[in-house]
Amino acid sequence: MTASNPVHLILTAVGSVAATVVALGYYGYLHVAKPEDALLLAEFTMLKTIPGEDYRLSLKPASQVAQCIDGVLVLFDTEQKGLTGVLVDQRRQAVRCFGQEAPQAER
């Protein structure tokens, strides 16, 4: 019986981990976040509607489309396919939504 050389065991472990990471990355199971993934998509402003007062809007629609998914407002960009995001306020809180009807004040 000969004693195992620990260098071979260490190299085998490191090689196995590296091969696993490469395989996961190749098949799309590994995503490395980039700084541009968290960039601000666009600035939004809420226009308060007051009964009896007029406000002006552009006839050209925005390049984002919103949809309510699981109670959270999700934006889809129509110019950059695959670019989606959750609408948040300045404190990084998600903007909630309730189907198609107007939300009621909480009591």
N, C-alpha and C. Protein backbone atom coordinates (compact mmCIF):
# COMPACT_ATOMS: atom_id res chain seq x y z
N MET A 1 0.82 -1.18 0.00
CA MET A 1 0.00 0.00 0.00
C MET A 1 0.87 1.24 0.00
N THR A 2 0.54 2.16 -0.85
CA THR A 2 1.25 3.42 -0.88
C THR A 2 0.31 4.53 -0.41
N ALA A 3 0.86 5.53 0.20
CA ALA A 3 0.07 6.67 0.69
C ALA A 3 -0.30 7.56 -0.49
N SER A 4 -1.52 8.09 -0.47
CA SER A 4 -1.97 8.99 -1.53
C SER A 4 -1.27 10.32 -1.42
N ASN A 5 -0.94 10.86 -2.55
CA ASN A 5 -0.31 12.16 -2.57
C ASN A 5 -1.41 13.21 -2.46
N PRO A 6 -1.40 14.09 -1.42
CA PRO A 6 -2.49 15.06 -1.25
C PRO A 6 -2.56 16.10 -2.37
N VAL A 7 -1.46 16.32 -3.09
CA VAL A 7 -1.47 17.28 -4.18
C VAL A 7 -2.42 16.81 -5.29
N HIS A 8 -2.42 15.49 -5.56
CA HIS A 8 -3.30 14.96 -6.59
C HIS A 8 -4.77 15.10 -6.18
N LEU A 9 -5.07 14.88 -4.92
CA LEU A 9 -6.44 15.03 -4.44
C LEU A 9 -6.91 16.48 -4.53
N ILE A 10 -6.06 17.41 -4.17
CA ILE A 10 -6.41 18.83 -4.23
C ILE A 10 -6.62 19.26 -5.67
N LEU A 11 -5.74 18.86 -6.58
CA LEU A 11 -5.88 19.21 -7.99
C LEU A 11 -7.14 18.60 -8.59
N THR A 12 -7.49 17.39 -8.19
CA THR A 12 -8.71 16.75 -8.67
C THR A 12 -9.95 17.51 -8.18
N ALA A 13 -9.95 17.93 -6.93
CA ALA A 13 -11.09 18.69 -6.39
C ALA A 13 -11.24 20.03 -7.10
N VAL A 14 -10.14 20.75 -7.28
CA VAL A 14 -10.19 22.05 -7.97
C VAL A 14 -10.63 21.87 -9.42
N GLY A 15 -10.14 20.87 -10.09
CA GLY A 15 -10.54 20.59 -11.47
C GLY A 15 -12.01 20.22 -11.58
N SER A 16 -12.52 19.46 -10.62
CA SER A 16 -13.93 19.08 -10.63
C SER A 16 -14.83 20.30 -10.45
N VAL A 17 -14.47 21.18 -9.54
CA VAL A 17 -15.26 22.40 -9.32
C VAL A 17 -15.21 23.27 -10.58
N ALA A 18 -14.05 23.44 -11.18
CA ALA A 18 -13.92 24.27 -12.38
C ALA A 18 -14.74 23.68 -13.53
N ALA A 19 -14.69 22.36 -13.71
CA ALA A 19 -15.46 21.72 -14.78
C ALA A 19 -16.96 21.86 -14.54
N THR A 20 -17.40 21.78 -13.29
CA THR A 20 -18.81 21.96 -12.96
C THR A 20 -19.28 23.38 -13.27
N VAL A 21 -18.48 24.38 -12.89
CA VAL A 21 -18.84 25.78 -13.16
C VAL A 21 -18.90 26.04 -14.67
N VAL A 22 -17.96 25.51 -15.42
CA VAL A 22 -17.96 25.69 -16.87
C VAL A 22 -19.18 25.02 -17.49
N ALA A 23 -19.53 23.81 -17.04
CA ALA A 23 -20.70 23.10 -17.58
C ALA A 23 -21.99 23.85 -17.26
N LEU A 24 -22.13 24.34 -16.03
CA LEU A 24 -23.33 25.09 -15.64
C LEU A 24 -23.44 26.38 -16.45
N GLY A 25 -22.33 27.07 -16.67
CA GLY A 25 -22.34 28.28 -17.48
C GLY A 25 -22.67 28.01 -18.93
N TYR A 26 -22.16 26.93 -19.46
CA TYR A 26 -22.41 26.57 -20.86
C TYR A 26 -23.89 26.27 -21.12
N TYR A 27 -24.53 25.58 -20.19
CA TYR A 27 -25.94 25.20 -20.36
C TYR A 27 -26.92 26.26 -19.84
N GLY A 28 -26.41 27.40 -19.39
CA GLY A 28 -27.28 28.51 -19.01
C GLY A 28 -27.82 28.47 -17.60
N TYR A 29 -27.31 27.60 -16.75
CA TYR A 29 -27.78 27.53 -15.37
C TYR A 29 -27.05 28.50 -14.45
N LEU A 30 -26.03 29.15 -14.95
CA LEU A 30 -25.24 30.08 -14.15
C LEU A 30 -25.35 31.46 -14.78
N HIS A 31 -25.75 32.44 -13.99
CA HIS A 31 -25.87 33.81 -14.49
C HIS A 31 -25.01 34.72 -13.63
N VAL A 32 -24.09 35.41 -14.25
CA VAL A 32 -23.23 36.36 -13.55
C VAL A 32 -23.83 37.75 -13.76
N ALA A 33 -24.26 38.40 -12.69
CA ALA A 33 -24.89 39.72 -12.79
C ALA A 33 -23.85 40.76 -13.19
N LYS A 34 -24.27 41.62 -14.10
CA LYS A 34 -23.41 42.71 -14.55
C LYS A 34 -23.97 44.02 -14.02
N PRO A 35 -23.17 45.05 -13.89
CA PRO A 35 -23.68 46.33 -13.38
C PRO A 35 -24.82 46.90 -14.22
N GLU A 36 -24.81 46.66 -15.54
CA GLU A 36 -25.88 47.21 -16.37
C GLU A 36 -27.21 46.48 -16.16
N ASP A 37 -27.21 45.33 -15.51
CA ASP A 37 -28.46 44.62 -15.21
C ASP A 37 -29.32 45.40 -14.23
N ALA A 38 -28.73 46.23 -13.40
CA ALA A 38 -29.48 46.97 -12.39
C ALA A 38 -29.60 48.45 -12.71
N LEU A 39 -29.30 48.83 -13.93
CA LEU A 39 -29.39 50.24 -14.30
C LEU A 39 -30.84 50.70 -14.36
N LEU A 40 -31.04 51.96 -14.18
CA LEU A 40 -32.35 52.56 -14.26
C LEU A 40 -32.82 52.51 -15.71
N LEU A 41 -33.97 51.88 -15.92
CA LEU A 41 -34.50 51.74 -17.28
C LEU A 41 -35.01 53.07 -17.80
N ALA A 42 -35.83 53.75 -17.03
CA ALA A 42 -36.38 55.04 -17.42
C ALA A 42 -36.90 55.72 -16.17
N GLU A 43 -37.05 57.03 -16.27
CA GLU A 43 -37.61 57.79 -15.14
C GLU A 43 -39.11 57.92 -15.35
N PHE A 44 -39.87 57.77 -14.27
CA PHE A 44 -41.32 57.87 -14.34
C PHE A 44 -41.79 58.91 -13.35
N THR A 45 -42.87 59.58 -13.70
CA THR A 45 -43.49 60.57 -12.83
C THR A 45 -44.97 60.28 -12.77
N MET A 46 -45.54 60.36 -11.58
CA MET A 46 -46.97 60.15 -11.44
C MET A 46 -47.68 61.48 -11.56
N LEU A 47 -48.66 61.54 -12.45
CA LEU A 47 -49.47 62.73 -12.61
C LEU A 47 -50.73 62.56 -11.75
N LYS A 48 -50.89 63.44 -10.79
CA LYS A 48 -52.07 63.35 -9.92
C LYS A 48 -53.27 63.88 -10.68
N THR A 49 -54.33 63.10 -10.73
CA THR A 49 -55.54 63.52 -11.42
C THR A 49 -56.49 64.15 -10.42
N ILE A 50 -56.90 65.38 -10.73
CA ILE A 50 -57.85 66.12 -9.90
C ILE A 50 -59.11 66.32 -10.73
N PRO A 51 -60.26 65.92 -10.20
CA PRO A 51 -61.49 66.08 -10.97
C PRO A 51 -61.70 67.53 -11.40
N GLY A 52 -62.02 67.72 -12.67
CA GLY A 52 -62.28 69.05 -13.20
C GLY A 52 -61.06 69.74 -13.77
N GLU A 53 -59.87 69.24 -13.52
CA GLU A 53 -58.64 69.84 -14.04
C GLU A 53 -58.13 69.04 -15.23
N ASP A 54 -57.63 69.77 -16.22
CA ASP A 54 -57.07 69.12 -17.41
C ASP A 54 -55.57 68.89 -17.22
N TYR A 55 -55.07 67.85 -17.84
CA TYR A 55 -53.63 67.62 -17.89
C TYR A 55 -53.30 67.11 -19.29
N ARG A 56 -52.06 67.33 -19.72
CA ARG A 56 -51.67 67.00 -21.07
C ARG A 56 -50.73 65.79 -21.07
N LEU A 57 -50.96 64.94 -22.05
CA LEU A 57 -50.12 63.77 -22.26
C LEU A 57 -49.66 63.74 -23.70
N SER A 58 -48.53 63.15 -23.94
CA SER A 58 -48.04 62.97 -25.30
C SER A 58 -48.87 61.90 -26.00
N LEU A 59 -49.10 62.08 -27.29
CA LEU A 59 -49.82 61.07 -28.06
C LEU A 59 -48.96 59.85 -28.35
N LYS A 60 -47.64 60.06 -28.33
CA LYS A 60 -46.71 58.95 -28.57
C LYS A 60 -46.61 58.12 -27.28
N PRO A 61 -46.87 56.81 -27.35
CA PRO A 61 -46.80 56.00 -26.13
C PRO A 61 -45.35 55.73 -25.71
N ALA A 62 -45.16 55.42 -24.44
CA ALA A 62 -43.84 55.07 -23.92
C ALA A 62 -43.39 53.74 -24.50
N SER A 63 -42.10 53.48 -24.45
CA SER A 63 -41.59 52.21 -24.98
C SER A 63 -41.69 51.08 -23.97
N GLN A 64 -42.31 51.34 -22.82
CA GLN A 64 -42.50 50.30 -21.81
C GLN A 64 -43.98 49.94 -21.72
N VAL A 65 -44.24 48.68 -21.46
CA VAL A 65 -45.60 48.19 -21.26
C VAL A 65 -45.63 47.55 -19.88
N ALA A 66 -46.66 47.85 -19.08
CA ALA A 66 -46.77 47.32 -17.73
C ALA A 66 -47.81 46.22 -17.67
N GLN A 67 -47.56 45.25 -16.78
CA GLN A 67 -48.51 44.17 -16.55
C GLN A 67 -48.47 43.81 -15.07
N CYS A 68 -49.62 43.49 -14.53
CA CYS A 68 -49.72 43.09 -13.12
C CYS A 68 -49.46 41.59 -13.03
N ILE A 69 -48.37 41.21 -12.38
CA ILE A 69 -48.02 39.80 -12.20
C ILE A 69 -47.83 39.55 -10.71
N ASP A 70 -48.65 38.68 -10.16
CA ASP A 70 -48.61 38.34 -8.73
C ASP A 70 -48.67 39.57 -7.84
N GLY A 71 -49.48 40.55 -8.24
CA GLY A 71 -49.67 41.74 -7.42
C GLY A 71 -48.56 42.76 -7.48
N VAL A 72 -47.62 42.60 -8.40
CA VAL A 72 -46.50 43.54 -8.55
C VAL A 72 -46.52 44.05 -9.99
N LEU A 73 -46.27 45.35 -10.18
CA LEU A 73 -46.26 45.95 -11.51
C LEU A 73 -44.92 45.67 -12.19
N VAL A 74 -44.97 44.92 -13.28
CA VAL A 74 -43.77 44.52 -14.02
C VAL A 74 -43.76 45.27 -15.34
N LEU A 75 -42.61 45.86 -15.69
CA LEU A 75 -42.46 46.60 -16.94
C LEU A 75 -41.71 45.75 -17.97
N PHE A 76 -42.19 45.80 -19.20
CA PHE A 76 -41.54 45.15 -20.32
C PHE A 76 -41.15 46.23 -21.32
N ASP A 77 -39.91 46.23 -21.77
CA ASP A 77 -39.45 47.22 -22.74
C ASP A 77 -39.71 46.68 -24.14
N THR A 78 -40.38 47.47 -24.99
CA THR A 78 -40.71 47.02 -26.33
C THR A 78 -39.57 47.26 -27.32
N GLU A 79 -38.61 48.10 -26.98
CA GLU A 79 -37.48 48.37 -27.88
C GLU A 79 -36.34 47.38 -27.68
N GLN A 80 -36.10 46.98 -26.43
CA GLN A 80 -35.03 46.03 -26.13
C GLN A 80 -35.69 44.73 -25.68
N LYS A 81 -35.82 43.79 -26.59
CA LYS A 81 -36.50 42.54 -26.30
C LYS A 81 -35.81 41.81 -25.15
N GLY A 82 -36.60 41.26 -24.26
CA GLY A 82 -36.07 40.51 -23.13
C GLY A 82 -35.75 41.36 -21.92
N LEU A 83 -35.86 42.69 -22.04
CA LEU A 83 -35.57 43.56 -20.92
C LEU A 83 -36.85 43.77 -20.12
N THR A 84 -36.86 43.26 -18.90
CA THR A 84 -38.02 43.41 -18.03
C THR A 84 -37.54 43.88 -16.68
N GLY A 85 -38.45 44.42 -15.90
CA GLY A 85 -38.08 44.87 -14.56
C GLY A 85 -39.30 45.15 -13.73
N VAL A 86 -39.10 45.26 -12.45
CA VAL A 86 -40.17 45.56 -11.51
C VAL A 86 -40.12 47.06 -11.23
N LEU A 87 -41.28 47.72 -11.27
CA LEU A 87 -41.34 49.15 -10.98
C LEU A 87 -41.23 49.35 -9.47
N VAL A 88 -40.24 50.15 -9.04
CA VAL A 88 -40.01 50.42 -7.61
C VAL A 88 -39.98 51.92 -7.38
N ASP A 89 -40.18 52.31 -6.13
CA ASP A 89 -40.08 53.73 -5.78
C ASP A 89 -38.64 54.04 -5.36
N GLN A 90 -38.41 55.27 -4.89
CA GLN A 90 -37.03 55.67 -4.55
C GLN A 90 -36.47 54.90 -3.37
N ARG A 91 -37.31 54.22 -2.60
CA ARG A 91 -36.84 53.40 -1.48
C ARG A 91 -36.76 51.93 -1.85
N ARG A 92 -36.79 51.63 -3.14
CA ARG A 92 -36.67 50.27 -3.68
C ARG A 92 -37.82 49.36 -3.24
N GLN A 93 -39.01 49.95 -3.02
CA GLN A 93 -40.21 49.18 -2.67
C GLN A 93 -41.00 48.95 -3.95
N ALA A 94 -41.43 47.74 -4.16
CA ALA A 94 -42.15 47.40 -5.38
C ALA A 94 -43.53 48.07 -5.40
N VAL A 95 -43.91 48.56 -6.59
CA VAL A 95 -45.23 49.15 -6.77
C VAL A 95 -46.22 48.00 -6.94
N ARG A 96 -47.22 47.96 -6.08
CA ARG A 96 -48.22 46.90 -6.09
C ARG A 96 -49.34 47.24 -7.06
N CYS A 97 -50.07 46.24 -7.53
CA CYS A 97 -51.21 46.47 -8.41
C CYS A 97 -52.32 45.48 -8.06
N PHE A 98 -53.54 45.89 -8.43
CA PHE A 98 -54.73 45.10 -8.12
C PHE A 98 -55.55 44.92 -9.38
N GLY A 99 -55.27 43.99 -10.22
CA GLY A 99 -56.11 43.70 -11.38
C GLY A 99 -56.42 44.93 -12.21
N GLN A 100 -57.68 45.05 -12.67
CA GLN A 100 -58.06 46.12 -13.57
C GLN A 100 -58.79 47.27 -12.88
N GLU A 101 -59.38 47.06 -11.70
CA GLU A 101 -60.13 48.13 -11.08
C GLU A 101 -59.22 49.06 -10.29
N ALA A 102 -59.69 50.26 -10.00
CA ALA A 102 -58.92 51.25 -9.24
C ALA A 102 -58.80 50.79 -7.79
N PRO A 103 -57.62 50.93 -7.17
CA PRO A 103 -57.46 50.50 -5.77
C PRO A 103 -58.24 51.38 -4.82
N GLN A 104 -58.71 50.78 -3.74
CA GLN A 104 -59.45 51.50 -2.71
C GLN A 104 -58.49 51.86 -1.57
N ALA A 105 -58.81 52.93 -0.84
CA ALA A 105 -57.97 53.34 0.28
C ALA A 105 -58.06 52.31 1.40
N GLU A 106 -56.90 52.00 2.00
CA GLU A 106 -56.88 51.03 3.11
C GLU A 106 -57.45 51.67 4.36
N ARG A 107 -58.15 50.89 5.15
CA ARG A 107 -58.74 51.40 6.39
C ARG A 107 -58.08 50.78 7.58
